């Protein structure tokens, strides 16, 4: 593997966690090049670093991997190292499966991939040694040809956007906004904000805004005029309105909450967050309201399936919570708002998904942070970033700013995009 590198000089070597770490260790021992260790996530004890070892910005680092298919693991490690000031131009791998990793890394990360063996090398060796037949060789090559990296915006093969269908219609509408705007941005207001502030910021972000979520009770000057203006703006610019009320009551009370009181939710919002604590009553009340001739509404329910708090940081891992939440809608014959009928789960990866941290600096008045309110930043990061977010949220919340992975907002939209070192 070392001889494959040829001329380039490296100051450091790092293996893609975790399978390639032993390989990187061997290379470091053989070449006397210092090794640094990249972690998938920082631990909450010890040094609490994602990069362990002795290094400094500006050093050249070689990335080591055992097997690559599309090159996503090498790309992620490269991004991490570069974000911390290291220079990465080369990567070495034991087996290149010849499904587009070399081209992907060169085109999208400017990284040259050096392979000890290719998939064809392995096939020819097995064929020449009589271990497999010519038919198996052709079958394997045909499979590889079918599953090639085929999009500069995706790290996996994906179906056409036109092949995706949602049910009910609200999911289809949301996806249409995402597709048209090439964005996954949801702006949420989790701290008090005046009506004019909300409308002004929504107008500035409208070109990339797919959804706006707010707590009506946190708008001090909430009024029918405000919701009329917000509804008109959402219709004109094309984004959904989500009322984050997290309702949890019997059907009769829910109906009054939807059509009466100060907020009159059914008159202006597209989606309403609800808890599953009361069973099917709330959804049944909403269904009756939608079917009522006296009250026309397009309001749909968004069941809260996971929320992390200070007292219950891993509540979303409890199957006793997750399963009943999903089952509530199933028992009424509902289909999930964001369920994809196409079998390709990677379709959303066709949306651009850079990973900056977004600061809504200067767009809203800075407020003093409140300590001990129980809200955890992980609520915005979906199970420790194990899965790419479907739609992301840039949030102004009690004096601090957060953003989910995948935000596509840019400085020209009035947002400063920074990356943490």
Protein backbone atom coordinates (compact mmCIF):
# COMPACT_ATOMS: atom_id res chain seq x y z
CA UNK A 1 0.00 0.00 0.00
CA UNK A 2 2.83 2.37 0.84
CA UNK A 3 4.48 1.83 -2.55
CA UNK A 4 1.22 2.76 -4.28
CA UNK A 5 1.57 6.31 -3.00
CA UNK A 6 4.63 7.08 -5.10
CA UNK A 7 5.99 10.58 -4.61
CA UNK A 8 3.58 12.49 -2.33
CA UNK A 9 4.93 13.35 1.12
CA UNK A 10 2.66 13.20 4.15
CA UNK A 11 3.03 14.60 7.62
CA UNK A 12 0.28 12.45 9.12
CA UNK A 13 -1.73 9.31 8.47
CA UNK A 14 -5.28 8.63 9.63
CA UNK A 15 -7.56 5.62 9.20
CA UNK A 16 -11.29 5.87 8.53
CA UNK A 17 -12.99 4.76 11.76
CA UNK A 18 -13.09 2.06 12.70
CA UNK A 19 -12.05 -0.84 10.39
CA UNK A 20 -9.16 1.03 8.76
CA UNK A 21 -7.48 2.09 12.01
CA UNK A 22 -5.31 -1.09 12.19
CA UNK A 23 -4.22 -0.49 8.58
CA UNK A 24 -3.30 3.10 9.34
CA UNK A 25 -1.37 1.89 12.39
CA UNK A 26 0.67 -0.52 10.24
CA UNK A 27 1.43 2.20 7.68
CA UNK A 28 2.46 4.59 10.44
CA UNK A 29 4.83 2.00 11.93
CA UNK A 30 6.26 1.07 8.52
CA UNK A 31 6.81 4.63 7.28
CA UNK A 32 7.50 6.32 10.65
CA UNK A 33 4.78 8.84 9.79
CA UNK A 34 2.84 10.03 12.87
CA UNK A 35 -0.73 8.77 13.11
CA UNK A 36 -3.80 10.65 14.30
CA UNK A 37 -7.08 9.00 15.26
CA UNK A 38 -10.43 10.24 13.95
CA UNK A 39 -13.50 9.34 15.98
CA UNK A 40 -17.02 8.93 14.64
CA UNK A 41 -18.21 11.10 17.51
CA UNK A 42 -16.57 12.82 20.45
CA UNK A 43 -16.86 10.98 23.77
CA UNK A 44 -18.33 12.75 26.78
CA UNK A 45 -15.26 11.92 28.88
CA UNK A 46 -11.49 12.04 28.52
CA UNK A 47 -10.22 14.58 25.98
CA UNK A 48 -13.68 14.85 24.34
CA UNK A 49 -12.00 15.35 20.95
CA UNK A 50 -12.97 13.98 17.53
CA UNK A 51 -9.31 13.97 16.44
CA UNK A 52 -6.77 12.44 18.82
CA UNK A 53 -3.02 12.83 18.49
CA UNK A 54 -0.38 15.49 17.94
CA UNK A 55 -0.95 17.63 14.87
CA UNK A 56 -1.16 21.22 13.71
CA UNK A 57 -3.06 23.07 11.02
CA UNK A 58 -1.55 23.02 7.55
CA UNK A 59 -0.09 19.52 7.77
CA UNK A 60 -0.72 17.03 4.96
CA UNK A 61 -2.66 13.93 6.03
CA UNK A 62 -3.10 10.62 4.21
CA UNK A 63 -6.49 8.94 4.67
CA UNK A 64 -6.52 5.12 4.83
CA UNK A 65 -9.53 2.84 4.19
CA UNK A 66 -10.01 -0.90 3.73
CA UNK A 67 -12.80 -1.02 1.11
CA UNK A 68 -14.61 1.73 -0.81
CA UNK A 69 -17.81 1.56 -2.82
CA UNK A 70 -18.93 5.13 -3.48
CA UNK A 71 -16.31 6.81 -1.31
CA UNK A 72 -18.65 8.29 1.29
CA UNK A 73 -16.60 7.14 4.30
CA UNK A 74 -13.41 8.64 2.89
CA UNK A 75 -15.31 11.82 2.04
CA UNK A 76 -16.62 12.16 5.60
CA UNK A 77 -13.17 11.67 7.13
CA UNK A 78 -11.71 14.13 4.63
CA UNK A 79 -14.32 16.72 5.57
CA UNK A 80 -13.57 16.27 9.28
CA UNK A 81 -9.83 16.65 8.81
CA UNK A 82 -10.17 19.66 6.53
CA UNK A 83 -12.62 21.32 8.91
CA UNK A 84 -9.86 21.18 11.52
CA UNK A 85 -7.27 22.80 9.27
CA UNK A 86 -5.49 19.75 7.85
CA UNK A 87 -4.73 19.27 4.15
CA UNK A 88 -6.08 16.10 2.52
CA UNK A 89 -5.34 15.42 -1.15
CA UNK A 90 -4.72 11.66 -1.18
CA UNK A 91 -6.33 8.49 0.16
CA UNK A 92 -5.21 4.86 -0.05
CA UNK A 93 -7.47 1.81 0.02
CA UNK A 94 -6.99 -1.96 -0.06
CA UNK A 95 -9.93 -2.75 -2.37
CA UNK A 96 -11.64 -0.35 -4.78
CA UNK A 97 -14.98 -1.92 -5.75
CA UNK A 98 -15.05 0.13 -8.97
CA UNK A 99 -18.51 1.56 -8.37
CA UNK A 100 -17.51 5.20 -8.73
CA UNK A 101 -15.50 6.00 -5.59
CA UNK A 102 -12.42 7.16 -7.49
CA UNK A 103 -14.43 9.49 -9.73
CA UNK A 104 -16.61 10.72 -6.87
CA UNK A 105 -13.70 11.64 -4.61
CA UNK A 106 -11.81 13.32 -7.43
CA UNK A 107 -14.79 15.35 -8.63
CA UNK A 108 -16.40 16.26 -5.30
CA UNK A 109 -13.50 16.29 -2.80
CA UNK A 110 -10.42 16.79 -5.00
CA UNK A 111 -8.93 13.66 -3.44
CA UNK A 112 -6.84 11.19 -5.46
CA UNK A 113 -7.62 7.60 -4.50
CA UNK A 114 -4.81 5.00 -4.64
CA UNK A 115 -5.98 1.37 -4.63
CA UNK A 116 -3.94 -1.73 -3.84
CA UNK A 117 -6.52 -3.94 -5.58
CA UNK A 118 -9.61 -3.39 -7.69
CA UNK A 119 -12.74 -5.49 -7.92
CA UNK A 120 -11.66 -6.69 -11.37
CA UNK A 121 -8.28 -7.75 -9.96
CA UNK A 122 -10.03 -9.97 -7.43
CA UNK A 123 -12.37 -11.44 -10.05
CA UNK A 124 -9.52 -12.27 -12.42
CA UNK A 125 -7.48 -13.88 -9.63
CA UNK A 126 -10.41 -16.05 -8.58
CA UNK A 127 -11.16 -16.95 -12.21
CA UNK A 128 -7.56 -17.86 -13.04
CA UNK A 129 -7.32 -20.00 -9.89
CA UNK A 130 -10.50 -21.85 -10.88
CA UNK A 131 -12.47 -20.63 -7.86
CA UNK A 132 -15.31 -19.10 -9.89
CA UNK A 133 -16.70 -19.52 -13.39
CA UNK A 134 -16.77 -17.04 -16.26
CA UNK A 135 -20.53 -16.72 -15.76
CA UNK A 136 -20.03 -15.58 -12.15
CA UNK A 137 -17.47 -13.05 -13.31
CA UNK A 138 -19.91 -11.56 -15.82
CA UNK A 139 -22.71 -11.57 -13.26
CA UNK A 140 -20.53 -9.69 -10.78
CA UNK A 141 -19.47 -7.15 -13.41
CA UNK A 142 -23.10 -6.63 -14.44
CA UNK A 143 -24.06 -5.97 -10.83
CA UNK A 144 -21.26 -3.43 -10.49
CA UNK A 145 -22.29 -1.71 -13.70
CA UNK A 146 -25.86 -1.39 -12.42
CA UNK A 147 -24.93 0.13 -9.05
CA UNK A 148 -22.58 2.93 -10.02
CA UNK A 149 -22.18 6.30 -8.35
CA UNK A 150 -24.24 8.35 -10.77
CA UNK A 151 -24.89 11.76 -9.23
CA UNK A 152 -22.57 14.53 -8.03
CA UNK A 153 -25.14 15.33 -5.35
CA UNK A 154 -25.51 11.85 -3.91
CA UNK A 155 -23.15 9.33 -2.36
CA UNK A 156 -25.49 6.50 -3.35
CA UNK A 157 -27.50 5.66 -6.49
CA UNK A 158 -30.96 7.09 -6.24
CA UNK A 159 -34.15 7.03 -8.24
CA UNK A 160 -35.41 10.04 -10.15
CA UNK A 161 -37.16 12.68 -8.08
CA UNK A 162 -40.22 12.17 -10.25
CA UNK A 163 -40.46 8.59 -8.97
CA UNK A 164 -41.20 9.69 -5.42
CA UNK A 165 -44.80 9.76 -4.24
CA UNK A 166 -46.12 10.85 -0.87
CA UNK A 167 -49.35 10.34 0.98
CA UNK A 168 -51.23 12.27 2.17
CA UNK A 169 -51.06 15.37 -0.03
CA UNK A 170 -49.35 17.53 2.59
CA UNK A 171 -46.24 15.37 2.30
CA UNK A 172 -46.30 15.70 -1.47
CA UNK A 173 -46.61 19.48 -1.16
CA UNK A 174 -43.66 19.67 1.22
CA UNK A 175 -41.50 17.58 -1.06
CA UNK A 176 -42.49 19.76 -4.01
CA UNK A 177 -41.23 22.82 -2.15
CA UNK A 178 -37.99 20.99 -1.35
CA UNK A 179 -37.54 19.93 -4.95
CA UNK A 180 -38.34 23.33 -6.45
CA UNK A 181 -36.16 25.30 -4.04
CA UNK A 182 -33.47 22.61 -3.82
CA UNK A 183 -33.56 23.11 -0.07
CA UNK A 184 -34.44 21.41 3.21
CA UNK A 185 -34.76 24.50 5.38
CA UNK A 186 -37.36 24.78 8.13
CA UNK A 187 -37.24 27.97 10.21
CA UNK A 188 -38.45 27.48 13.77
CA UNK A 189 -39.09 30.05 16.49
CA UNK A 190 -38.52 28.54 19.92
CA UNK A 191 -38.32 31.81 21.82
CA UNK A 192 -40.63 34.85 22.02
CA UNK A 193 -40.73 36.82 18.77
CA UNK A 194 -43.04 39.57 17.62
CA UNK A 195 -45.22 39.14 14.55
CA UNK A 196 -43.27 41.64 12.47
CA UNK A 197 -39.99 39.88 13.27
CA UNK A 198 -41.37 36.53 12.14
CA UNK A 199 -42.82 37.87 8.90
CA UNK A 200 -39.71 39.89 8.10
CA UNK A 201 -37.38 36.92 8.58
CA UNK A 202 -39.69 34.60 6.63
CA UNK A 203 -39.64 37.03 3.70
CA UNK A 204 -35.83 37.16 3.73
CA UNK A 205 -35.48 33.37 3.79
CA UNK A 206 -38.42 32.65 1.47
CA UNK A 207 -36.28 31.63 -1.56
CA UNK A 208 -34.95 28.64 0.43
CA UNK A 209 -37.70 28.22 3.02
CA UNK A 210 -39.75 25.00 2.89
CA UNK A 211 -41.51 25.27 6.24
CA UNK A 212 -41.92 27.69 9.14
CA UNK A 213 -42.71 26.38 12.61
CA UNK A 214 -43.71 28.51 15.57
CA UNK A 215 -45.32 28.35 18.99
CA UNK A 216 -48.36 30.67 18.72
CA UNK A 217 -48.32 31.33 22.46
CA UNK A 218 -44.77 32.74 22.16
CA UNK A 219 -45.89 35.54 19.82
CA UNK A 220 -46.74 38.43 22.20
CA UNK A 221 -48.80 40.34 19.63
CA UNK A 222 -50.48 37.29 18.06
CA UNK A 223 -53.60 38.35 16.14
CA UNK A 224 -55.80 37.29 13.20
CA UNK A 225 -54.08 39.98 11.13
CA UNK A 226 -50.71 38.30 11.80
CA UNK A 227 -51.91 34.85 10.73
CA UNK A 228 -53.63 36.31 7.64
CA UNK A 229 -50.39 37.98 6.56
CA UNK A 230 -48.34 34.88 7.34
CA UNK A 231 -50.74 32.62 5.46
CA UNK A 232 -50.69 34.95 2.45
CA UNK A 233 -46.89 35.00 2.48
CA UNK A 234 -46.69 31.20 2.74
CA UNK A 235 -49.07 30.78 -0.20
CA UNK A 236 -47.23 33.33 -2.31
CA UNK A 237 -43.67 32.18 -1.56
CA UNK A 238 -44.39 28.45 -1.19
CA UNK A 239 -43.71 27.06 2.29
CA UNK A 240 -45.69 25.21 4.96
CA UNK A 241 -46.85 26.66 8.28
CA UNK A 242 -46.45 24.40 11.31
CA UNK A 243 -48.00 25.18 14.69
CA UNK A 244 -45.89 23.53 17.39
CA UNK A 245 -48.63 23.14 20.02
CA UNK A 246 -48.02 19.49 20.99
CA UNK A 247 -51.67 19.01 21.87
CA UNK A 248 -52.65 16.14 24.16
CA UNK A 249 -56.33 16.11 25.12
CA UNK A 250 -59.66 14.42 24.47
CA UNK A 251 -61.35 14.87 21.11
CA UNK A 252 -63.93 17.44 22.23
CA UNK A 253 -61.33 19.76 23.71
CA UNK A 254 -59.08 19.30 20.70
CA UNK A 255 -61.86 20.45 18.38
CA UNK A 256 -62.31 23.66 20.38
CA UNK A 257 -58.56 24.21 20.34
CA UNK A 258 -58.55 23.92 16.56
CA UNK A 259 -61.45 26.23 15.71
CA UNK A 260 -61.77 28.49 18.75
CA UNK A 261 -59.80 30.51 21.23
CA UNK A 262 -57.13 33.04 20.41
CA UNK A 263 -55.16 30.94 17.94
CA UNK A 264 -57.85 29.34 15.70
CA UNK A 265 -55.28 26.87 14.39
CA UNK A 266 -57.49 25.39 11.67
CA UNK A 267 -57.69 28.76 9.93
CA UNK A 268 -54.03 29.20 9.07
CA UNK A 269 -51.60 26.33 9.73
CA UNK A 270 -50.86 23.31 7.52
CA UNK A 271 -49.43 21.00 10.17
CA UNK A 272 -50.08 20.75 13.90
CA UNK A 273 -47.87 18.84 16.32
CA UNK A 274 -49.73 16.50 18.68
CA UNK A 275 -48.79 13.91 21.28
CA UNK A 276 -50.08 10.34 21.12
CA UNK A 277 -50.87 10.21 24.85
CA UNK A 278 -54.65 10.31 24.41
CA UNK A 279 -54.86 7.65 21.73
CA UNK A 280 -56.87 8.24 18.58
CA UNK A 281 -59.23 10.90 19.95
CA UNK A 282 -57.28 13.89 18.68
CA UNK A 283 -56.80 12.55 15.17
CA UNK A 284 -60.43 11.49 14.99
CA UNK A 285 -61.48 15.02 15.96
CA UNK A 286 -59.25 16.45 13.25
CA UNK A 287 -60.65 14.04 10.68
CA UNK A 288 -64.23 15.04 11.54
CA UNK A 289 -63.26 18.68 11.29
CA UNK A 290 -61.75 18.18 7.83
CA UNK A 291 -64.90 16.36 6.70
CA UNK A 292 -67.23 19.01 8.13
CA UNK A 293 -69.11 21.14 5.62
CA UNK A 294 -69.19 24.05 8.06
CA UNK A 295 -65.44 24.14 8.65
CA UNK A 296 -63.12 23.76 5.67
CA UNK A 297 -59.48 23.17 6.61
CA UNK A 298 -56.38 21.56 5.12
CA UNK A 299 -54.81 21.10 8.56
CA UNK A 300 -52.93 17.82 9.13
CA UNK A 301 -51.42 16.32 12.27
CA UNK A 302 -47.73 15.74 12.87
CA UNK A 303 -47.37 13.22 15.72
CA UNK A 304 -44.42 13.84 18.01
CA UNK A 305 -42.39 10.64 17.82
CA UNK A 306 -39.28 11.72 19.68
CA UNK A 307 -38.18 14.48 22.03
CA UNK A 308 -35.07 14.59 24.21
CA UNK A 309 -35.13 16.48 27.47
CA UNK A 310 -32.67 17.01 30.29
CA UNK A 311 -34.49 14.56 32.54
CA UNK A 312 -35.05 11.96 29.78
CA UNK A 313 -32.15 12.39 27.32
CA UNK A 314 -32.79 9.07 25.55
CA UNK A 315 -36.57 8.93 25.63
CA UNK A 316 -36.62 8.48 21.87
CA UNK A 317 -34.83 5.14 22.23
CA UNK A 318 -37.70 3.65 24.25
CA UNK A 319 -39.74 1.36 22.00
CA UNK A 320 -42.66 1.68 24.40
CA UNK A 321 -42.81 5.33 23.37
CA UNK A 322 -42.02 4.94 19.69
CA UNK A 323 -44.31 2.02 18.81
CA UNK A 324 -47.57 3.41 20.25
CA UNK A 325 -46.85 6.76 18.60
CA UNK A 326 -46.70 5.16 15.16
CA UNK A 327 -49.61 2.85 15.90
CA UNK A 328 -51.99 5.70 16.77
CA UNK A 329 -52.12 6.83 13.16
CA UNK A 330 -52.15 3.27 11.84
CA UNK A 331 -55.26 2.37 13.84
CA UNK A 332 -57.19 5.13 12.11
CA UNK A 333 -55.99 4.07 8.68
CA UNK A 334 -53.76 7.11 8.25
CA UNK A 335 -50.60 7.06 6.20
CA UNK A 336 -47.59 8.83 7.59
CA UNK A 337 -47.08 12.36 6.32
CA UNK A 338 -43.49 11.81 5.21
CA UNK A 339 -43.59 8.17 4.17
CA UNK A 340 -42.01 7.44 0.80
CA UNK A 341 -43.73 4.89 -1.37
CA UNK A 342 -40.63 4.41 -3.53
CA UNK A 343 -38.36 1.68 -2.09
CA UNK A 344 -35.22 3.77 -2.52
CA UNK A 345 -34.64 5.29 0.93
CA UNK A 346 -31.77 7.40 -0.33
CA UNK A 347 -33.86 9.63 -2.57
CA UNK A 348 -33.56 12.61 -0.23
CA UNK A 349 -29.79 12.57 -0.64
CA UNK A 350 -30.30 14.20 -4.03
CA UNK A 351 -30.95 17.41 -2.10
CA UNK A 352 -27.78 19.42 -1.38
CA UNK A 353 -26.59 18.71 2.15
CA UNK A 354 -23.53 20.68 3.24
CA UNK A 355 -22.99 20.58 7.00
CA UNK A 356 -22.40 24.10 8.30
CA UNK A 357 -23.56 25.46 11.61
CA UNK A 358 -25.99 28.28 10.91
CA UNK A 359 -26.09 31.42 13.03
CA UNK A 360 -29.12 33.69 12.66
CA UNK A 361 -26.85 36.54 13.64
CA UNK A 362 -28.38 40.00 13.41
CA UNK A 363 -31.71 38.75 12.09
CA UNK A 364 -33.42 38.67 15.48
CA UNK A 365 -32.62 40.60 18.67
CA UNK A 366 -30.17 38.67 20.85
CA UNK A 367 -31.84 37.49 24.04
CA UNK A 368 -30.34 36.39 27.32
CA UNK A 369 -29.99 32.62 27.45
CA UNK A 370 -32.11 30.78 29.98
CA UNK A 371 -30.36 28.02 31.90
CA UNK A 372 -31.92 24.82 33.14
CA UNK A 373 -35.01 24.93 30.92
CA UNK A 374 -34.59 21.27 30.01
CA UNK A 375 -34.22 21.67 26.26
CA UNK A 376 -31.25 19.79 24.82
CA UNK A 377 -29.39 20.60 21.62
CA UNK A 378 -29.69 16.96 20.60
CA UNK A 379 -33.36 17.51 19.91
CA UNK A 380 -32.20 19.24 16.73
CA UNK A 381 -29.76 16.51 15.70
CA UNK A 382 -31.95 13.39 15.35
CA UNK A 383 -30.44 10.41 17.17
CA UNK A 384 -26.87 11.63 17.20
CA UNK A 385 -26.84 12.17 13.42
CA UNK A 386 -27.24 8.47 12.68
CA UNK A 387 -29.55 9.25 9.79
CA UNK A 388 -29.67 12.17 7.40
CA UNK A 389 -32.41 14.61 8.35
CA UNK A 390 -35.39 14.74 6.00
CA UNK A 391 -35.87 18.45 6.53
CA UNK A 392 -33.62 20.61 8.64
CA UNK A 393 -34.28 23.44 11.04
CA UNK A 394 -32.42 26.66 11.65
CA UNK A 395 -33.62 27.71 15.07
CA UNK A 396 -33.61 30.86 17.17
CA UNK A 397 -34.06 29.49 20.68
CA UNK A 398 -33.58 31.11 24.10
CA UNK A 399 -30.53 33.09 23.09
CA UNK A 400 -28.61 30.29 21.35
CA UNK A 401 -28.56 29.24 17.73
CA UNK A 402 -28.60 25.69 16.40
CA UNK A 403 -28.89 24.02 13.02
CA UNK A 404 -29.51 20.50 11.84
CA UNK A 405 -27.11 18.80 9.43
CA UNK A 406 -28.09 19.45 5.84
CA UNK A 407 -29.03 23.13 5.94
CA UNK A 408 -28.65 24.82 2.57
CA UNK A 409 -29.01 28.47 3.54
CA UNK A 410 -26.30 30.84 2.35
CA UNK A 411 -24.84 34.19 3.44
CA UNK A 412 -26.68 35.96 0.62
CA UNK A 413 -29.91 35.02 2.40
CA UNK A 414 -28.85 37.12 5.36
CA UNK A 415 -27.33 34.22 7.29
CA UNK A 416 -23.75 33.83 8.35
CA UNK A 417 -22.51 30.31 7.71
CA UNK A 418 -19.59 29.20 9.86
CA UNK A 419 -17.84 25.91 10.54
CA UNK A 420 -16.61 24.96 13.98
CA UNK A 421 -13.00 23.84 14.31
